[in-house]
């Protein structure tokens, strides 16, 4: 059974395992604790048979959502969990009259770039040498929403 709910501090140990397996430059525990304290932050997790298997962190800033972090445990990828999280974000945006969703993605992360391209995100900029581990660029992607 799949359940989507708000993130809790008690989820962070499981989130950290996913974070480390998914990213070359993983967030640390304090990043997630910070997210949980921010009024602009929305943080959700997906449970697969009561085990944490995916999460998303995003901010609502004015009429924009900024996707800060999204990850899916490797053993449950390609099962639509990232899509489910993104769909919930888009529904949230629609319900709250949000005009766009913006994110940064490594130009080296072809899988993520293809996922966002299929969701109609467009490149609107670049952040040179954004990632410390390899000095790769971040592409700034935005999805305009039709609900407003």
Protein backbone atom coordinates (compact mmCIF):
# COMPACT_ATOMS: atom_id res chain seq x y z
CA UNK A 1 0.00 0.00 0.00
CA UNK A 2 1.24 3.52 -0.84
CA UNK A 3 0.63 6.45 1.50
CA UNK A 4 1.60 10.09 1.03
CA UNK A 5 1.82 12.23 4.16
CA UNK A 6 3.62 15.17 5.73
CA UNK A 7 7.24 14.62 6.71
CA UNK A 8 8.08 14.30 10.41
CA UNK A 9 11.39 14.68 12.22
CA UNK A 10 11.25 10.96 13.01
CA UNK A 11 11.44 10.28 9.23
CA UNK A 12 14.86 11.88 8.89
CA UNK A 13 17.02 8.77 9.54
CA UNK A 14 15.28 6.94 6.67
CA UNK A 15 15.42 10.07 4.51
CA UNK A 16 19.17 10.33 5.11
CA UNK A 17 19.69 6.79 3.78
CA UNK A 18 17.83 7.68 0.57
CA UNK A 19 19.62 11.03 0.34
CA UNK A 20 23.05 9.36 0.51
CA UNK A 21 22.20 6.75 -2.12
CA UNK A 22 20.71 9.31 -4.52
CA UNK A 23 23.00 12.34 -4.44
CA UNK A 24 26.69 13.08 -4.83
CA UNK A 25 26.19 16.11 -2.60
CA UNK A 26 23.55 14.93 -0.09
CA UNK A 27 21.83 17.19 2.35
CA UNK A 28 22.70 16.69 6.00
CA UNK A 29 20.24 16.05 8.83
CA UNK A 30 20.22 19.74 9.77
CA UNK A 31 18.97 20.68 6.28
CA UNK A 32 15.85 18.58 6.78
CA UNK A 33 15.32 19.85 10.32
CA UNK A 34 15.57 23.39 8.93
CA UNK A 35 12.99 22.56 6.25
CA UNK A 36 10.58 21.27 8.88
CA UNK A 37 10.78 24.59 10.76
CA UNK A 38 10.19 26.92 7.80
CA UNK A 39 6.74 28.43 7.31
CA UNK A 40 7.21 28.50 3.52
CA UNK A 41 8.29 24.85 3.39
CA UNK A 42 6.19 21.86 2.43
CA UNK A 43 7.72 18.44 3.01
CA UNK A 44 6.05 15.18 2.11
CA UNK A 45 7.04 11.54 2.22
CA UNK A 46 5.76 8.46 0.44
CA UNK A 47 5.47 5.23 2.39
CA UNK A 48 5.46 1.91 0.52
CA UNK A 49 4.05 -0.79 2.77
CA UNK A 50 4.81 1.42 5.79
CA UNK A 51 8.46 1.94 4.76
CA UNK A 52 9.65 5.38 3.67
CA UNK A 53 10.49 5.21 -0.02
CA UNK A 54 10.40 8.78 -1.39
CA UNK A 55 10.19 12.40 -0.32
CA UNK A 56 9.92 15.94 -1.61
CA UNK A 57 10.77 19.32 -0.08
CA UNK A 58 9.57 22.55 -1.67
CA UNK A 59 8.95 26.15 -0.75
CA UNK A 60 5.99 28.35 -1.52
CA UNK A 61 7.29 31.84 -2.23
CA UNK A 62 4.64 34.26 -3.41
CA UNK A 63 3.07 32.78 -6.54
CA UNK A 64 5.90 30.27 -7.11
CA UNK A 65 6.84 26.86 -5.77
CA UNK A 66 10.55 26.12 -5.57
CA UNK A 67 11.38 22.41 -5.62
CA UNK A 68 14.36 22.01 -3.29
CA UNK A 69 14.73 18.25 -3.09
CA UNK A 70 13.02 15.13 -4.40
CA UNK A 71 14.29 11.56 -4.19
CA UNK A 72 13.10 7.98 -4.52
CA UNK A 73 14.77 4.96 -2.96
CA UNK A 74 16.70 3.07 -5.65
CA UNK A 75 14.90 -0.24 -5.20
CA UNK A 76 11.49 1.32 -5.91
CA UNK A 77 12.35 3.63 -8.79
CA UNK A 78 10.38 3.59 -12.05
CA UNK A 79 7.14 2.90 -10.18
CA UNK A 80 5.68 6.39 -10.49
CA UNK A 81 6.54 7.65 -7.01
CA UNK A 82 8.33 10.83 -8.15
CA UNK A 83 5.43 11.41 -10.53
CA UNK A 84 2.98 11.02 -7.66
CA UNK A 85 4.87 13.59 -5.59
CA UNK A 86 5.09 16.02 -8.49
CA UNK A 87 1.38 15.55 -9.29
CA UNK A 88 0.54 16.36 -5.65
CA UNK A 89 2.71 19.48 -5.88
CA UNK A 90 0.91 20.54 -9.05
CA UNK A 91 -2.47 19.94 -7.40
CA UNK A 92 -1.33 21.98 -4.41
CA UNK A 93 -0.21 24.74 -6.79
CA UNK A 94 -3.56 24.70 -8.55
CA UNK A 95 -5.47 24.87 -5.27
CA UNK A 96 -3.34 27.84 -4.13
CA UNK A 97 -3.22 29.81 -7.40
CA UNK A 98 0.51 29.25 -7.90
CA UNK A 99 1.83 30.39 -11.28
CA UNK A 100 5.00 28.30 -11.64
CA UNK A 101 7.31 25.67 -10.22
CA UNK A 102 11.07 26.23 -10.41
CA UNK A 103 14.02 23.97 -9.59
CA UNK A 104 17.70 23.41 -10.21
CA UNK A 105 19.04 20.18 -11.66
CA UNK A 106 22.58 19.14 -12.47
CA UNK A 107 23.31 19.28 -16.16
CA UNK A 108 24.96 15.87 -15.57
CA UNK A 109 21.73 14.27 -14.29
CA UNK A 110 20.22 13.06 -17.55
CA UNK A 111 17.56 10.91 -15.87
CA UNK A 112 16.18 13.83 -13.86
CA UNK A 113 16.40 16.16 -16.85
CA UNK A 114 14.33 13.73 -18.95
CA UNK A 115 11.77 13.38 -16.15
CA UNK A 116 11.32 17.15 -15.85
CA UNK A 117 11.23 17.60 -19.63
CA UNK A 118 8.32 15.13 -19.82
CA UNK A 119 6.56 17.26 -17.19
CA UNK A 120 6.92 20.35 -19.42
CA UNK A 121 9.66 22.06 -17.42
CA UNK A 122 11.69 24.43 -19.58
CA UNK A 123 15.23 25.66 -19.06
CA UNK A 124 15.22 29.34 -18.14
CA UNK A 125 18.77 29.77 -16.89
CA UNK A 126 21.99 28.25 -15.66
CA UNK A 127 23.97 28.46 -12.43
CA UNK A 128 27.64 27.94 -13.35
CA UNK A 129 29.69 25.62 -11.12
CA UNK A 130 26.73 25.21 -8.75
CA UNK A 131 27.69 21.77 -7.44
CA UNK A 132 30.81 21.63 -5.26
CA UNK A 133 31.63 17.94 -5.79
CA UNK A 134 32.36 18.32 -9.52
CA UNK A 135 31.76 22.02 -10.23
CA UNK A 136 29.03 21.09 -12.69
CA UNK A 137 26.42 23.60 -13.71
CA UNK A 138 22.85 23.62 -12.46
CA UNK A 139 20.13 24.15 -15.00
CA UNK A 140 17.26 26.32 -13.79
CA UNK A 141 13.99 24.78 -14.94
CA UNK A 142 10.52 26.26 -14.68
CA UNK A 143 7.07 24.88 -15.34
CA UNK A 144 4.39 27.48 -15.99
CA UNK A 145 1.01 26.44 -14.62
CA UNK A 146 -2.25 27.00 -16.47
CA UNK A 147 -4.50 27.42 -13.45
CA UNK A 148 -4.17 31.22 -13.11
